[in-house]
All heavy atoms as atom14 arrays in JSON, in Angstrom:
{
  "sequence": "WELVKPSHLGANKPSWYNFDDAWVDEVRRGWGACGVFMWVP",
  "atom14_mask": [
    [1, 1, 1, 1, 1, 1, 1, 1, 1, 1, 1, 1, 1, 1],
    [1, 1, 1, 1, 1, 1, 1, 1, 1, 0, 0, 0, 0, 0],
    [1, 1, 1, 1, 1, 1, 1, 1, 0, 0, 0, 0, 0, 0],
    [1, 1, 1, 1, 1, 1, 1, 0, 0, 0, 0, 0, 0, 0],
    [1, 1, 1, 1, 1, 1, 1, 1, 1, 0, 0, 0, 0, 0],
    [1, 1, 1, 1, 1, 1, 1, 0, 0, 0, 0, 0, 0, 0],
    [1, 1, 1, 1, 1, 1, 0, 0, 0, 0, 0, 0, 0, 0],
    [1, 1, 1, 1, 1, 1, 1, 1, 1, 1, 0, 0, 0, 0],
    [1, 1, 1, 1, 1, 1, 1, 1, 0, 0, 0, 0, 0, 0],
    [1, 1, 1, 1, 0, 0, 0, 0, 0, 0, 0, 0, 0, 0],
    [1, 1, 1, 1, 1, 0, 0, 0, 0, 0, 0, 0, 0, 0],
    [1, 1, 1, 1, 1, 1, 1, 1, 0, 0, 0, 0, 0, 0],
    [1, 1, 1, 1, 1, 1, 1, 1, 1, 0, 0, 0, 0, 0],
    [1, 1, 1, 1, 1, 1, 1, 0, 0, 0, 0, 0, 0, 0],
    [1, 1, 1, 1, 1, 1, 0, 0, 0, 0, 0, 0, 0, 0],
    [1, 1, 1, 1, 1, 1, 1, 1, 1, 1, 1, 1, 1, 1],
    [1, 1, 1, 1, 1, 1, 1, 1, 1, 1, 1, 1, 0, 0],
    [1, 1, 1, 1, 1, 1, 1, 1, 0, 0, 0, 0, 0, 0],
    [1, 1, 1, 1, 1, 1, 1, 1, 1, 1, 1, 0, 0, 0],
    [1, 1, 1, 1, 1, 1, 1, 1, 0, 0, 0, 0, 0, 0],
    [1, 1, 1, 1, 1, 1, 1, 1, 0, 0, 0, 0, 0, 0],
    [1, 1, 1, 1, 1, 0, 0, 0, 0, 0, 0, 0, 0, 0],
    [1, 1, 1, 1, 1, 1, 1, 1, 1, 1, 1, 1, 1, 1],
    [1, 1, 1, 1, 1, 1, 1, 0, 0, 0, 0, 0, 0, 0],
    [1, 1, 1, 1, 1, 1, 1, 1, 0, 0, 0, 0, 0, 0],
    [1, 1, 1, 1, 1, 1, 1, 1, 1, 0, 0, 0, 0, 0],
    [1, 1, 1, 1, 1, 1, 1, 0, 0, 0, 0, 0, 0, 0],
    [1, 1, 1, 1, 1, 1, 1, 1, 1, 1, 1, 0, 0, 0],
    [1, 1, 1, 1, 1, 1, 1, 1, 1, 1, 1, 0, 0, 0],
    [1, 1, 1, 1, 0, 0, 0, 0, 0, 0, 0, 0, 0, 0],
    [1, 1, 1, 1, 1, 1, 1, 1, 1, 1, 1, 1, 1, 1],
    [1, 1, 1, 1, 0, 0, 0, 0, 0, 0, 0, 0, 0, 0],
    [1, 1, 1, 1, 1, 0, 0, 0, 0, 0, 0, 0, 0, 0],
    [1, 1, 1, 1, 1, 1, 0, 0, 0, 0, 0, 0, 0, 0],
    [1, 1, 1, 1, 0, 0, 0, 0, 0, 0, 0, 0, 0, 0],
    [1, 1, 1, 1, 1, 1, 1, 0, 0, 0, 0, 0, 0, 0],
    [1, 1, 1, 1, 1, 1, 1, 1, 1, 1, 1, 0, 0, 0],
    [1, 1, 1, 1, 1, 1, 1, 1, 0, 0, 0, 0, 0, 0],
    [1, 1, 1, 1, 1, 1, 1, 1, 1, 1, 1, 1, 1, 1],
    [1, 1, 1, 1, 1, 1, 1, 0, 0, 0, 0, 0, 0, 0],
    [1, 1, 1, 1, 1, 1, 1, 0, 0, 0, 0, 0, 0, 0]
  ],
  "atom14_positions": [
    [[124.9, 66.52, 66.45], [125.95, 65.62, 66.0], [125.38, 64.38, 65.33], [125.97, 63.84, 64.38], [126.84, 65.22, 67.17], [127.71, 66.34, 67.65], [127.55, 67.09, 68.77], [128.89, 66.84, 67.01], [128.54, 68.03, 68.87], [129.39, 67.89, 67.81], [129.57, 66.5, 65.84], [130.53, 68.61, 67.46], [130.72, 67.21, 65.51], [131.19, 68.26, 66.31]],
    [[124.24, 63.89, 65.83], [123.63, 62.72, 65.2], [123.13, 63.05, 63.8], [123.19, 62.22, 62.89], [122.45, 62.22, 66.06], [122.84, 61.77, 67.46], [123.81, 60.6, 67.44], [123.68, 59.74, 66.53], [124.71, 60.54, 68.3], [0.0, 0.0, 0.0], [0.0, 0.0, 0.0], [0.0, 0.0, 0.0], [0.0, 0.0, 0.0], [0.0, 0.0, 0.0]],
    [[122.65, 64.28, 63.62], [122.07, 64.67, 62.34], [123.11, 64.92, 61.25], [122.75, 65.02, 60.07], [121.2, 65.93, 62.53], [119.97, 65.77, 63.44], [119.29, 67.11, 63.65], [119.0, 64.75, 62.85], [0.0, 0.0, 0.0], [0.0, 0.0, 0.0], [0.0, 0.0, 0.0], [0.0, 0.0, 0.0], [0.0, 0.0, 0.0], [0.0, 0.0, 0.0]],
    [[124.39, 65.07, 61.63], [125.41, 65.34, 60.62], [126.24, 64.1, 60.3], [127.24, 64.18, 59.57], [126.36, 66.48, 61.06], [125.58, 67.77, 61.25], [127.13, 66.11, 62.33], [0.0, 0.0, 0.0], [0.0, 0.0, 0.0], [0.0, 0.0, 0.0], [0.0, 0.0, 0.0], [0.0, 0.0, 0.0], [0.0, 0.0, 0.0], [0.0, 0.0, 0.0]],
    [[125.85, 62.95, 60.83], [126.6, 61.72, 60.57], [126.31, 61.21, 59.16], [125.2, 61.36, 58.64], [126.26, 60.66, 61.6], [126.82, 60.97, 62.98], [126.5, 59.89, 63.97], [127.18, 60.19, 65.31], [126.86, 59.18, 66.33], [0.0, 0.0, 0.0], [0.0, 0.0, 0.0], [0.0, 0.0, 0.0], [0.0, 0.0, 0.0], [0.0, 0.0, 0.0]],
    [[127.3, 60.59, 58.52], [127.09, 60.07, 57.16], [125.91, 59.11, 57.06], [125.18, 59.13, 56.08], [128.42, 59.36, 56.86], [129.42, 60.03, 57.72], [128.69, 60.4, 58.98], [0.0, 0.0, 0.0], [0.0, 0.0, 0.0], [0.0, 0.0, 0.0], [0.0, 0.0, 0.0], [0.0, 0.0, 0.0], [0.0, 0.0, 0.0], [0.0, 0.0, 0.0]],
    [[125.72, 58.28, 58.09], [124.63, 57.3, 58.04], [123.27, 57.99, 58.04], [122.3, 57.48, 57.49], [124.73, 56.34, 59.22], [124.63, 57.05, 60.45], [0.0, 0.0, 0.0], [0.0, 0.0, 0.0], [0.0, 0.0, 0.0], [0.0, 0.0, 0.0], [0.0, 0.0, 0.0], [0.0, 0.0, 0.0], [0.0, 0.0, 0.0], [0.0, 0.0, 0.0]],
    [[123.18, 59.17, 58.68], [121.91, 59.9, 58.72], [121.67, 60.66, 57.42], [120.55, 60.69, 56.9], [121.88, 60.87, 59.9], [120.61, 61.67, 60.0], [119.48, 61.19, 60.61], [120.31, 62.91, 59.54], [118.52, 62.1, 60.53], [119.01, 63.15, 59.88], [0.0, 0.0, 0.0], [0.0, 0.0, 0.0], [0.0, 0.0, 0.0], [0.0, 0.0, 0.0]],
    [[122.72, 61.26, 56.89], [122.56, 62.07, 55.68], [122.43, 61.22, 54.42], [121.78, 61.63, 53.45], [123.75, 63.02, 55.53], [123.9, 64.08, 56.63], [125.17, 64.88, 56.43], [122.7, 65.01, 56.67], [0.0, 0.0, 0.0], [0.0, 0.0, 0.0], [0.0, 0.0, 0.0], [0.0, 0.0, 0.0], [0.0, 0.0, 0.0], [0.0, 0.0, 0.0]],
    [[123.05, 60.04, 54.43], [122.95, 59.15, 53.28], [123.46, 59.81, 52.01], [124.56, 60.36, 51.95], [0.0, 0.0, 0.0], [0.0, 0.0, 0.0], [0.0, 0.0, 0.0], [0.0, 0.0, 0.0], [0.0, 0.0, 0.0], [0.0, 0.0, 0.0], [0.0, 0.0, 0.0], [0.0, 0.0, 0.0], [0.0, 0.0, 0.0], [0.0, 0.0, 0.0]],
    [[122.63, 59.77, 50.96], [123.03, 60.33, 49.67], [123.13, 61.85, 49.7], [123.7, 62.46, 48.79], [122.03, 59.91, 48.59], [0.0, 0.0, 0.0], [0.0, 0.0, 0.0], [0.0, 0.0, 0.0], [0.0, 0.0, 0.0], [0.0, 0.0, 0.0], [0.0, 0.0, 0.0], [0.0, 0.0, 0.0], [0.0, 0.0, 0.0], [0.0, 0.0, 0.0]],
    [[122.59, 62.47, 50.75], [122.61, 63.94, 50.84], [123.87, 64.49, 51.51], [123.97, 65.69, 51.72], [121.38, 64.42, 51.61], [120.09, 64.1, 50.89], [120.02, 64.2, 49.66], [119.06, 63.71, 51.64], [0.0, 0.0, 0.0], [0.0, 0.0, 0.0], [0.0, 0.0, 0.0], [0.0, 0.0, 0.0], [0.0, 0.0, 0.0], [0.0, 0.0, 0.0]],
    [[124.79, 63.63, 51.87], [125.97, 64.12, 52.57], [126.85, 64.93, 51.62], [126.91, 64.66, 50.41], [126.76, 62.96, 53.17], [127.38, 62.02, 52.16], [128.08, 60.88, 52.88], [128.73, 59.92, 51.88], [129.39, 58.8, 52.58], [0.0, 0.0, 0.0], [0.0, 0.0, 0.0], [0.0, 0.0, 0.0], [0.0, 0.0, 0.0], [0.0, 0.0, 0.0]],
    [[127.55, 65.95, 52.13], [128.39, 66.81, 51.28], [129.55, 66.04, 50.65], [129.94, 64.97, 51.13], [128.9, 67.87, 52.26], [127.96, 67.83, 53.41], [127.5, 66.41, 53.52], [0.0, 0.0, 0.0], [0.0, 0.0, 0.0], [0.0, 0.0, 0.0], [0.0, 0.0, 0.0], [0.0, 0.0, 0.0], [0.0, 0.0, 0.0], [0.0, 0.0, 0.0]],
    [[130.13, 66.61, 49.64], [131.23, 65.96, 48.93], [132.49, 65.86, 49.79], [133.34, 64.99, 49.54], [131.54, 66.72, 47.64], [131.9, 68.08, 47.94], [0.0, 0.0, 0.0], [0.0, 0.0, 0.0], [0.0, 0.0, 0.0], [0.0, 0.0, 0.0], [0.0, 0.0, 0.0], [0.0, 0.0, 0.0], [0.0, 0.0, 0.0], [0.0, 0.0, 0.0]],
    [[132.63, 66.74, 50.79], [133.84, 66.69, 51.63], [133.75, 65.66, 52.75], [134.67, 65.52, 53.54], [134.13, 68.07, 52.22], [132.99, 68.74, 52.93], [132.03, 69.54, 52.36], [132.67, 68.66, 54.32], [131.15, 69.98, 53.32], [131.51, 69.46, 54.54], [133.24, 68.02, 55.41], [130.92, 69.61, 55.79], [132.66, 68.16, 56.66], [131.52, 68.95, 56.84]],
    [[132.67, 64.92, 52.81], [132.53, 63.85, 53.81], [133.37, 62.64, 53.36], [132.94, 61.82, 52.56], [131.07, 63.43, 53.92], [130.3, 64.09, 55.04], [130.36, 65.47, 55.23], [129.49, 63.35, 55.9], [129.65, 66.08, 56.23], [128.77, 63.96, 56.91], [128.85, 65.32, 57.08], [128.14, 65.93, 58.09], [0.0, 0.0, 0.0], [0.0, 0.0, 0.0]],
    [[134.57, 62.52, 53.88], [135.39, 61.34, 53.61], [135.73, 60.63, 54.92], [136.86, 60.26, 55.19], [136.66, 61.72, 52.86], [137.55, 62.66, 53.65], [137.07, 63.34, 54.58], [138.82, 62.72, 53.31], [0.0, 0.0, 0.0], [0.0, 0.0, 0.0], [0.0, 0.0, 0.0], [0.0, 0.0, 0.0], [0.0, 0.0, 0.0], [0.0, 0.0, 0.0]],
    [[134.75, 60.48, 55.78], [134.92, 59.87, 57.09], [133.66, 59.1, 57.44], [132.62, 59.24, 56.8], [135.22, 60.93, 58.16], [134.33, 62.15, 58.07], [133.05, 62.14, 58.62], [134.77, 63.31, 57.44], [132.24, 63.26, 58.54], [133.95, 64.43, 57.35], [132.68, 64.4, 57.9], [0.0, 0.0, 0.0], [0.0, 0.0, 0.0], [0.0, 0.0, 0.0]],
    [[133.76, 58.28, 58.48], [132.61, 57.49, 58.91], [131.99, 58.09, 60.16], [132.41, 59.13, 60.67], [133.01, 56.03, 59.14], [134.08, 55.87, 60.21], [134.37, 56.88, 60.9], [134.61, 54.77, 60.37], [0.0, 0.0, 0.0], [0.0, 0.0, 0.0], [0.0, 0.0, 0.0], [0.0, 0.0, 0.0], [0.0, 0.0, 0.0], [0.0, 0.0, 0.0]],
    [[130.95, 57.41, 60.68], [130.22, 57.93, 61.83], [131.09, 58.01, 63.08], [130.95, 58.93, 63.89], [129.0, 57.05, 62.12], [127.89, 57.25, 61.11], [128.08, 57.97, 60.12], [126.83, 56.67, 61.31], [0.0, 0.0, 0.0], [0.0, 0.0, 0.0], [0.0, 0.0, 0.0], [0.0, 0.0, 0.0], [0.0, 0.0, 0.0], [0.0, 0.0, 0.0]],
    [[131.96, 57.04, 63.25], [132.79, 57.02, 64.45], [133.71, 58.23, 64.51], [134.0, 58.76, 65.58], [133.62, 55.73, 64.52], [0.0, 0.0, 0.0], [0.0, 0.0, 0.0], [0.0, 0.0, 0.0], [0.0, 0.0, 0.0], [0.0, 0.0, 0.0], [0.0, 0.0, 0.0], [0.0, 0.0, 0.0], [0.0, 0.0, 0.0], [0.0, 0.0, 0.0]],
    [[134.19, 58.69, 63.35], [135.05, 59.88, 63.35], [134.27, 61.11, 63.79], [134.82, 62.0, 64.44], [135.66, 60.09, 61.96], [136.83, 61.04, 62.0], [138.08, 60.79, 62.47], [136.84, 62.41, 61.55], [138.87, 61.91, 62.34], [138.14, 62.92, 61.78], [135.88, 63.25, 60.98], [138.51, 64.21, 61.46], [136.25, 64.55, 60.65], [137.55, 65.02, 60.9]],
    [[132.99, 61.18, 63.45], [132.15, 62.28, 63.91], [132.1, 62.28, 65.43], [132.21, 63.33, 66.07], [130.72, 62.16, 63.33], [129.82, 63.27, 63.89], [130.76, 62.24, 61.81], [0.0, 0.0, 0.0], [0.0, 0.0, 0.0], [0.0, 0.0, 0.0], [0.0, 0.0, 0.0], [0.0, 0.0, 0.0], [0.0, 0.0, 0.0], [0.0, 0.0, 0.0]],
    [[131.94, 61.09, 66.03], [131.91, 61.0, 67.49], [133.24, 61.4, 68.1], [133.29, 62.05, 69.15], [131.55, 59.58, 67.92], [130.08, 59.27, 67.72], [129.24, 60.1, 68.12], [129.76, 58.21, 67.16], [0.0, 0.0, 0.0], [0.0, 0.0, 0.0], [0.0, 0.0, 0.0], [0.0, 0.0, 0.0], [0.0, 0.0, 0.0], [0.0, 0.0, 0.0]],
    [[134.33, 61.02, 67.45], [135.65, 61.41, 67.95], [135.84, 62.93, 67.88], [136.39, 63.54, 68.8], [136.74, 60.71, 67.14], [136.91, 59.25, 67.47], [138.2, 58.73, 66.88], [138.22, 58.42, 65.67], [139.2, 58.64, 67.61], [0.0, 0.0, 0.0], [0.0, 0.0, 0.0], [0.0, 0.0, 0.0], [0.0, 0.0, 0.0], [0.0, 0.0, 0.0]],
    [[135.41, 63.53, 66.77], [135.53, 64.99, 66.62], [134.67, 65.67, 67.67], [135.07, 66.68, 68.27], [135.11, 65.42, 65.2], [134.99, 66.94, 65.11], [136.13, 64.92, 64.19], [0.0, 0.0, 0.0], [0.0, 0.0, 0.0], [0.0, 0.0, 0.0], [0.0, 0.0, 0.0], [0.0, 0.0, 0.0], [0.0, 0.0, 0.0], [0.0, 0.0, 0.0]],
    [[133.49, 65.13, 67.92], [132.61, 65.69, 68.96], [133.3, 65.67, 70.31], [133.29, 66.64, 71.06], [131.33, 64.86, 68.99], [130.35, 65.22, 70.1], [129.2, 64.24, 70.05], [128.15, 64.59, 70.99], [127.0, 63.93, 71.07], [126.76, 62.92, 70.27], [126.09, 64.3, 71.95], [0.0, 0.0, 0.0], [0.0, 0.0, 0.0], [0.0, 0.0, 0.0]],
    [[133.94, 64.54, 70.61], [134.66, 64.41, 71.86], [135.85, 65.36, 71.91], [136.16, 65.97, 72.94], [135.13, 62.97, 72.03], [135.86, 62.68, 73.33], [136.31, 61.22, 73.38], [137.28, 60.92, 72.33], [137.81, 59.71, 72.12], [137.43, 58.7, 72.88], [138.68, 59.52, 71.16], [0.0, 0.0, 0.0], [0.0, 0.0, 0.0], [0.0, 0.0, 0.0]],
    [[136.56, 65.52, 70.76], [137.7, 66.43, 70.71], [137.31, 67.88, 70.94], [137.98, 68.61, 71.68], [0.0, 0.0, 0.0], [0.0, 0.0, 0.0], [0.0, 0.0, 0.0], [0.0, 0.0, 0.0], [0.0, 0.0, 0.0], [0.0, 0.0, 0.0], [0.0, 0.0, 0.0], [0.0, 0.0, 0.0], [0.0, 0.0, 0.0], [0.0, 0.0, 0.0]],
    [[136.2, 68.32, 70.3], [135.74, 69.69, 70.53], [135.28, 69.86, 71.98], [135.42, 70.95, 72.56], [134.61, 70.04, 69.57], [135.07, 70.34, 68.18], [134.75, 69.66, 67.04], [135.94, 71.4, 67.76], [135.37, 70.22, 65.95], [136.11, 71.29, 66.36], [136.61, 72.41, 68.44], [136.9, 72.16, 65.62], [137.4, 73.28, 67.7], [137.54, 73.16, 66.32]],
    [[134.73, 68.8, 72.55], [134.35, 68.87, 73.97], [135.56, 69.09, 74.85], [135.52, 69.86, 75.81], [0.0, 0.0, 0.0], [0.0, 0.0, 0.0], [0.0, 0.0, 0.0], [0.0, 0.0, 0.0], [0.0, 0.0, 0.0], [0.0, 0.0, 0.0], [0.0, 0.0, 0.0], [0.0, 0.0, 0.0], [0.0, 0.0, 0.0], [0.0, 0.0, 0.0]],
    [[136.69, 68.42, 74.51], [137.92, 68.62, 75.27], [138.4, 70.06, 75.14], [138.86, 70.68, 76.11], [139.0, 67.65, 74.77], [0.0, 0.0, 0.0], [0.0, 0.0, 0.0], [0.0, 0.0, 0.0], [0.0, 0.0, 0.0], [0.0, 0.0, 0.0], [0.0, 0.0, 0.0], [0.0, 0.0, 0.0], [0.0, 0.0, 0.0], [0.0, 0.0, 0.0]],
    [[138.31, 70.61, 73.92], [138.71, 72.02, 73.72], [137.85, 72.94, 74.57], [138.32, 73.97, 75.08], [138.6, 72.4, 72.25], [139.81, 71.56, 71.19], [0.0, 0.0, 0.0], [0.0, 0.0, 0.0], [0.0, 0.0, 0.0], [0.0, 0.0, 0.0], [0.0, 0.0, 0.0], [0.0, 0.0, 0.0], [0.0, 0.0, 0.0], [0.0, 0.0, 0.0]],
    [[136.57, 72.58, 74.74], [135.69, 73.37, 75.61], [136.17, 73.36, 77.05], [136.13, 74.38, 77.75], [0.0, 0.0, 0.0], [0.0, 0.0, 0.0], [0.0, 0.0, 0.0], [0.0, 0.0, 0.0], [0.0, 0.0, 0.0], [0.0, 0.0, 0.0], [0.0, 0.0, 0.0], [0.0, 0.0, 0.0], [0.0, 0.0, 0.0], [0.0, 0.0, 0.0]],
    [[136.67, 72.2, 77.5], [137.22, 72.11, 78.86], [138.42, 73.04, 79.0], [138.59, 73.72, 80.01], [137.63, 70.64, 79.17], [138.45, 70.57, 80.46], [136.4, 69.76, 79.29], [0.0, 0.0, 0.0], [0.0, 0.0, 0.0], [0.0, 0.0, 0.0], [0.0, 0.0, 0.0], [0.0, 0.0, 0.0], [0.0, 0.0, 0.0], [0.0, 0.0, 0.0]],
    [[139.27, 73.09, 77.97], [140.48, 73.9, 78.05], [140.18, 75.39, 78.14], [141.01, 76.16, 78.61], [141.38, 73.64, 76.83], [141.79, 72.2, 76.67], [142.02, 71.68, 75.42], [141.92, 71.38, 77.78], [142.39, 70.36, 75.26], [142.28, 70.05, 77.64], [142.52, 69.54, 76.37], [0.0, 0.0, 0.0], [0.0, 0.0, 0.0], [0.0, 0.0, 0.0]],
    [[139.02, 75.81, 77.67], [138.67, 77.23, 77.71], [138.52, 77.74, 79.14], [138.58, 78.94, 79.38], [137.38, 77.48, 76.93], [137.48, 77.25, 75.43], [138.73, 78.29, 74.61], [140.06, 77.09, 74.36], [0.0, 0.0, 0.0], [0.0, 0.0, 0.0], [0.0, 0.0, 0.0], [0.0, 0.0, 0.0], [0.0, 0.0, 0.0], [0.0, 0.0, 0.0]],
    [[138.33, 76.82, 80.09], [138.22, 77.21, 81.5], [139.58, 77.34, 82.17], [139.73, 78.01, 83.19], [137.39, 76.19, 82.27], [135.96, 76.07, 81.85], [135.49, 75.52, 80.69], [134.8, 76.5, 82.57], [134.12, 75.57, 80.65], [133.67, 76.17, 81.79], [134.61, 77.12, 83.81], [132.38, 76.44, 82.21], [133.32, 77.39, 84.23], [132.22, 77.06, 83.43]],
    [[140.57, 76.65, 81.61], [141.86, 76.52, 82.27], [142.62, 77.84, 82.45], [143.34, 78.0, 83.44], [142.73, 75.47, 81.53], [144.12, 75.36, 82.14], [142.04, 74.11, 81.57], [0.0, 0.0, 0.0], [0.0, 0.0, 0.0], [0.0, 0.0, 0.0], [0.0, 0.0, 0.0], [0.0, 0.0, 0.0], [0.0, 0.0, 0.0], [0.0, 0.0, 0.0]],
    [[142.52, 78.82, 81.51], [143.23, 80.09, 81.75], [142.88, 80.74, 83.08], [143.73, 81.43, 83.67], [142.76, 80.97, 80.58], [142.48, 80.01, 79.48], [141.9, 78.8, 80.17], [0.0, 0.0, 0.0], [0.0, 0.0, 0.0], [0.0, 0.0, 0.0], [0.0, 0.0, 0.0], [0.0, 0.0, 0.0], [0.0, 0.0, 0.0], [0.0, 0.0, 0.0]]
  ]
}
């Protein structure tokens, strides 16, 4: 997750990167929540 942040990639970041580093952390946390839900069934 640290390696895919805009601040790390700099000029090499993909064209679809229209977000900042904090959003990466939020997405990381969101996918972590989805991982928790996989146990609930």
